[in-house]
Amino acid sequence: MLEALVCPVTHATLRYDAQAQELISEPAGLAFPIRDGIPIMLLNEARQIRA
């Protein structure tokens, strides 16, 4: 199912970080959390991964 998800900002492919339980969008510099197995693809829930 991960293949069907894309970044809501850039529409780029996401990378899964199993240890952090996040989906990473390198082009947008954002990490979207996965809670209880559900990806939270909301901008206000994303963590910025670069300044």
PDB file of N, CA and C in Angstrom:
ATOM      1  N   MET A   1       0.820  -1.199   0.000  1.00  0.00           N
ATOM      2  CA  MET A   1       0.000   0.000   0.000  1.00  0.00           C
ATOM      3  C   MET A   1       0.864   1.265   0.000  1.00  0.00           C
ATOM      4  N   LEU A   2       2.061   1.178   0.534  1.00  0.00           N
ATOM      5  CA  LEU A   2       2.956   2.336   0.585  1.00  0.00           C
ATOM      6  C   LEU A   2       3.187   2.926  -0.799  1.00  0.00           C
ATOM      7  N   GLU A   3       3.221   2.081  -1.812  1.00  0.00           N
ATOM      8  CA  GLU A   3       3.469   2.549  -3.171  1.00  0.00           C
ATOM      9  C   GLU A   3       2.375   3.500  -3.660  1.00  0.00           C
ATOM     10  N   ALA A   4       1.189   3.415  -3.095  1.00  0.00           N
ATOM     11  CA  ALA A   4       0.064   4.253  -3.515  1.00  0.00           C
ATOM     12  C   ALA A   4       0.109   5.644  -2.880  1.00  0.00           C
ATOM     13  N   LEU A   5       0.884   5.805  -1.806  1.00  0.00           N
ATOM     14  CA  LEU A   5       0.940   7.087  -1.107  1.00  0.00           C
ATOM     15  C   LEU A   5       2.027   7.976  -1.700  1.00  0.00           C
ATOM     16  N   VAL A   6       1.716   9.255  -1.810  1.00  0.00           N
ATOM     17  CA  VAL A   6       2.681  10.249  -2.264  1.00  0.00           C
ATOM     18  C   VAL A   6       2.624  11.451  -1.338  1.00  0.00           C
ATOM     19  N   CYS A   7       3.633  12.264  -1.384  1.00  0.00           N
ATOM     20  CA  CYS A   7       3.676  13.472  -0.569  1.00  0.00           C
ATOM     21  C   CYS A   7       2.535  14.411  -0.979  1.00  0.00           C
ATOM     22  N   PRO A   8       1.763  14.921  -0.020  1.00  0.00           N
ATOM     23  CA  PRO A   8       0.670  15.830  -0.369  1.00  0.00           C
ATOM     24  C   PRO A   8       1.157  17.194  -0.861  1.00  0.00           C
ATOM     25  N   VAL A   9       2.419  17.514  -0.635  1.00  0.00           N
ATOM     26  CA  VAL A   9       2.968  18.801  -1.052  1.00  0.00           C
ATOM     27  C   VAL A   9       3.572  18.712  -2.454  1.00  0.00           C
ATOM     28  N   THR A  10       4.465  17.732  -2.655  1.00  0.00           N
ATOM     29  CA  THR A  10       5.221  17.648  -3.908  1.00  0.00           C
ATOM     30  C   THR A  10       4.761  16.521  -4.827  1.00  0.00           C
ATOM     31  N   HIS A  11       3.934  15.638  -4.311  1.00  0.00           N
ATOM     32  CA  HIS A  11       3.468  14.439  -5.033  1.00  0.00           C
ATOM     33  C   HIS A  11       4.621  13.486  -5.354  1.00  0.00           C
ATOM     34  N   ALA A  12       5.712  13.615  -4.594  1.00  0.00           N
ATOM     35  CA  ALA A  12       6.870  12.745  -4.762  1.00  0.00           C
ATOM     36  C   ALA A  12       6.652  11.439  -3.989  1.00  0.00           C
ATOM     37  N   THR A  13       7.439  10.436  -4.352  1.00  0.00           N
ATOM     38  CA  THR A  13       7.421   9.151  -3.660  1.00  0.00           C
ATOM     39  C   THR A  13       7.925   9.335  -2.235  1.00  0.00           C
ATOM     40  N   LEU A  14       7.368   8.565  -1.320  1.00  0.00           N
ATOM     41  CA  LEU A  14       7.762   8.628   0.077  1.00  0.00           C
ATOM     42  C   LEU A  14       8.679   7.465   0.436  1.00  0.00           C
ATOM     43  N   ARG A  15       9.575   7.702   1.383  1.00  0.00           N
ATOM     44  CA  ARG A  15      10.456   6.659   1.904  1.00  0.00           C
ATOM     45  C   ARG A  15       9.976   6.291   3.306  1.00  0.00           C
ATOM     46  N   TYR A  16       9.887   5.001   3.577  1.00  0.00           N
ATOM     47  CA  TYR A  16       9.415   4.511   4.865  1.00  0.00           C
ATOM     48  C   TYR A  16      10.586   4.377   5.823  1.00  0.00           C
ATOM     49  N   ASP A  17      10.491   5.012   6.979  1.00  0.00           N
ATOM     50  CA  ASP A  17      11.479   4.875   8.047  1.00  0.00           C
ATOM     51  C   ASP A  17      10.834   4.032   9.137  1.00  0.00           C
ATOM     52  N   ALA A  18      11.167   2.736   9.157  1.00  0.00           N
ATOM     53  CA  ALA A  18      10.528   1.797  10.088  1.00  0.00           C
ATOM     54  C   ALA A  18      10.869   2.116  11.535  1.00  0.00           C
ATOM     55  N   GLN A  19      12.099   2.523  11.800  1.00  0.00           N
ATOM     56  CA  GLN A  19      12.510   2.797  13.168  1.00  0.00           C
ATOM     57  C   GLN A  19      11.746   3.989  13.752  1.00  0.00           C
ATOM     58  N   ALA A  20      11.607   5.053  12.971  1.00  0.00           N
ATOM     59  CA  ALA A  20      10.914   6.261  13.439  1.00  0.00           C
ATOM     60  C   ALA A  20       9.409   6.196  13.225  1.00  0.00           C
ATOM     61  N   GLN A  21       8.943   5.183  12.463  1.00  0.00           N
ATOM     62  CA  GLN A  21       7.533   5.071  12.104  1.00  0.00           C
ATOM     63  C   GLN A  21       7.054   6.355  11.428  1.00  0.00           C
ATOM     64  N   GLU A  22       7.754   6.709  10.347  1.00  0.00           N
ATOM     65  CA  GLU A  22       7.433   7.904   9.580  1.00  0.00           C
ATOM     66  C   GLU A  22       7.563   7.619   8.090  1.00  0.00           C
ATOM     67  N   LEU A  23       6.858   8.411   7.307  1.00  0.00           N
ATOM     68  CA  LEU A  23       7.016   8.429   5.859  1.00  0.00           C
ATOM     69  C   LEU A  23       7.741   9.729   5.528  1.00  0.00           C
ATOM     70  N   ILE A  24       8.864   9.611   4.841  1.00  0.00           N
ATOM     71  CA  ILE A  24       9.734  10.749   4.582  1.00  0.00           C
ATOM     72  C   ILE A  24       9.557  11.243   3.149  1.00  0.00           C
ATOM     73  N   SER A  25       9.358  12.555   3.028  1.00  0.00           N
ATOM     74  CA  SER A  25       9.358  13.210   1.718  1.00  0.00           C
ATOM     75  C   SER A  25      10.623  14.050   1.646  1.00  0.00           C
ATOM     76  N   GLU A  26      11.638  13.513   0.970  1.00  0.00           N
ATOM     77  CA  GLU A  26      12.913  14.233   0.835  1.00  0.00           C
ATOM     78  C   GLU A  26      12.736  15.574   0.117  1.00  0.00           C
ATOM     79  N   PRO A  27      11.997  15.623  -1.020  1.00  0.00           N
ATOM     80  CA  PRO A  27      11.853  16.909  -1.726  1.00  0.00           C
ATOM     81  C   PRO A  27      11.184  17.999  -0.881  1.00  0.00           C
ATOM     82  N   ALA A  28      10.231  17.621  -0.049  1.00  0.00           N
ATOM     83  CA  ALA A  28       9.521  18.605   0.775  1.00  0.00           C
ATOM     84  C   ALA A  28      10.229  18.844   2.103  1.00  0.00           C
ATOM     85  N   GLY A  29      11.134  17.943   2.497  1.00  0.00           N
ATOM     86  CA  GLY A  29      11.805  18.072   3.788  1.00  0.00           C
ATOM     87  C   GLY A  29      10.865  17.811   4.948  1.00  0.00           C
ATOM     88  N   LEU A  30       9.931  16.864   4.748  1.00  0.00           N
ATOM     89  CA  LEU A  30       8.930  16.577   5.775  1.00  0.00           C
ATOM     90  C   LEU A  30       8.896  15.090   6.117  1.00  0.00           C
ATOM     91  N   ALA A  31       8.524  14.814   7.356  1.00  0.00           N
ATOM     92  CA  ALA A  31       8.329  13.441   7.809  1.00  0.00           C
ATOM     93  C   ALA A  31       6.904  13.342   8.353  1.00  0.00           C
ATOM     94  N   PHE A  32       6.122  12.445   7.769  1.00  0.00           N
ATOM     95  CA  PHE A  32       4.737  12.249   8.178  1.00  0.00           C
ATOM     96  C   PHE A  32       4.660  11.055   9.123  1.00  0.00           C
ATOM     97  N   PRO A  33       4.034  11.213  10.288  1.00  0.00           N
ATOM     98  CA  PRO A  33       4.005  10.121  11.266  1.00  0.00           C
ATOM     99  C   PRO A  33       3.062   8.995  10.857  1.00  0.00           C
ATOM    100  N   ILE A  34       3.363   7.820  11.376  1.00  0.00           N
ATOM    101  CA  ILE A  34       2.472   6.666  11.244  1.00  0.00           C
ATOM    102  C   ILE A  34       2.050   6.305  12.664  1.00  0.00           C
ATOM    103  N   ARG A  35       0.764   6.385  12.931  1.00  0.00           N
ATOM    104  CA  ARG A  35       0.243   6.086  14.271  1.00  0.00           C
ATOM    105  C   ARG A  35      -0.717   4.907  14.198  1.00  0.00           C
ATOM    106  N   ASP A  36      -0.438   3.896  14.990  1.00  0.00           N
ATOM    107  CA  ASP A  36      -1.259   2.684  15.016  1.00  0.00           C
ATOM    108  C   ASP A  36      -1.429   2.101  13.615  1.00  0.00           C
ATOM    109  N   GLY A  37      -0.358   2.198  12.822  1.00  0.00           N
ATOM    110  CA  GLY A  37      -0.378   1.637  11.478  1.00  0.00           C
ATOM    111  C   GLY A  37      -1.053   2.511  10.436  1.00  0.00           C
ATOM    112  N   ILE A  38      -1.461   3.711  10.812  1.00  0.00           N
ATOM    113  CA  ILE A  38      -2.172   4.621   9.896  1.00  0.00           C
ATOM    114  C   ILE A  38      -1.289   5.828   9.586  1.00  0.00           C
ATOM    115  N   PRO A  39      -0.949   6.047   8.314  1.00  0.00           N
ATOM    116  CA  PRO A  39      -0.161   7.229   7.956  1.00  0.00           C
ATOM    117  C   PRO A  39      -0.993   8.504   8.116  1.00  0.00           C
ATOM    118  N   ILE A  40      -0.430   9.475   8.797  1.00  0.00           N
ATOM    119  CA  ILE A  40      -1.093  10.763   8.998  1.00  0.00           C
ATOM    120  C   ILE A  40      -0.491  11.736   7.993  1.00  0.00           C
ATOM    121  N   MET A  41      -1.203  11.963   6.903  1.00  0.00           N
ATOM    122  CA  MET A  41      -0.680  12.739   5.784  1.00  0.00           C
ATOM    123  C   MET A  41      -1.156  14.196   5.816  1.00  0.00           C
ATOM    124  N   LEU A  42      -1.239  14.774   6.995  1.00  0.00           N
ATOM    125  CA  LEU A  42      -1.663  16.155   7.165  1.00  0.00           C
ATOM    126  C   LEU A  42      -0.441  17.046   7.383  1.00  0.00           C
ATOM    127  N   LEU A  43      -0.406  18.187   6.729  1.00  0.00           N
ATOM    128  CA  LEU A  43       0.742  19.084   6.844  1.00  0.00           C
ATOM    129  C   LEU A  43       0.974  19.538   8.271  1.00  0.00           C
ATOM    130  N   ASN A  44      -0.089  19.784   9.015  1.00  0.00           N
ATOM    131  CA  ASN A  44       0.087  20.256  10.392  1.00  0.00           C
ATOM    132  C   ASN A  44       0.557  19.156  11.340  1.00  0.00           C
ATOM    133  N   GLU A  45       0.585  17.910  10.895  1.00  0.00           N
ATOM    134  CA  GLU A  45       1.096  16.801  11.681  1.00  0.00           C
ATOM    135  C   GLU A  45       2.517  16.418  11.273  1.00  0.00           C
ATOM    136  N   ALA A  46       2.996  16.948  10.160  1.00  0.00           N
ATOM    137  CA  ALA A  46       4.322  16.599   9.641  1.00  0.00           C
ATOM    138  C   ALA A  46       5.409  17.288  10.450  1.00  0.00           C
ATOM    139  N   ARG A  47       6.552  16.600  10.494  1.00  0.00           N
ATOM    140  CA  ARG A  47       7.723  17.135  11.174  1.00  0.00           C
ATOM    141  C   ARG A  47       8.712  17.588  10.095  1.00  0.00           C
ATOM    142  N   GLN A  48       9.259  18.788  10.282  1.00  0.00           N
ATOM    143  CA  GLN A  48      10.235  19.298   9.324  1.00  0.00           C
ATOM    144  C   GLN A  48      11.562  18.581   9.571  1.00  0.00           C
ATOM    145  N   ILE A  49      12.191  18.066   8.500  1.00  0.00           N
ATOM    146  CA  ILE A  49      13.436  17.327   8.669  1.00  0.00           C
ATOM    147  C   ILE A  49      14.663  18.113   8.216  1.00  0.00           C
ATOM    148  N   ARG A  50      14.454  19.308   7.737  1.00  0.00           N
ATOM    149  CA  ARG A  50      15.586  20.195   7.402  1.00  0.00           C
ATOM    150  C   ARG A  50      15.158  21.646   7.582  1.00  0.00           C
ATOM    151  N   ALA A  51      16.143  22.478   7.801  1.00  0.00           N
ATOM    152  CA  ALA A  51      15.848  23.896   8.058  1.00  0.00           C
ATOM    153  C   ALA A  51      15.648  24.671   6.794  1.00  0.00           C
TER     154      ALA A  51
END
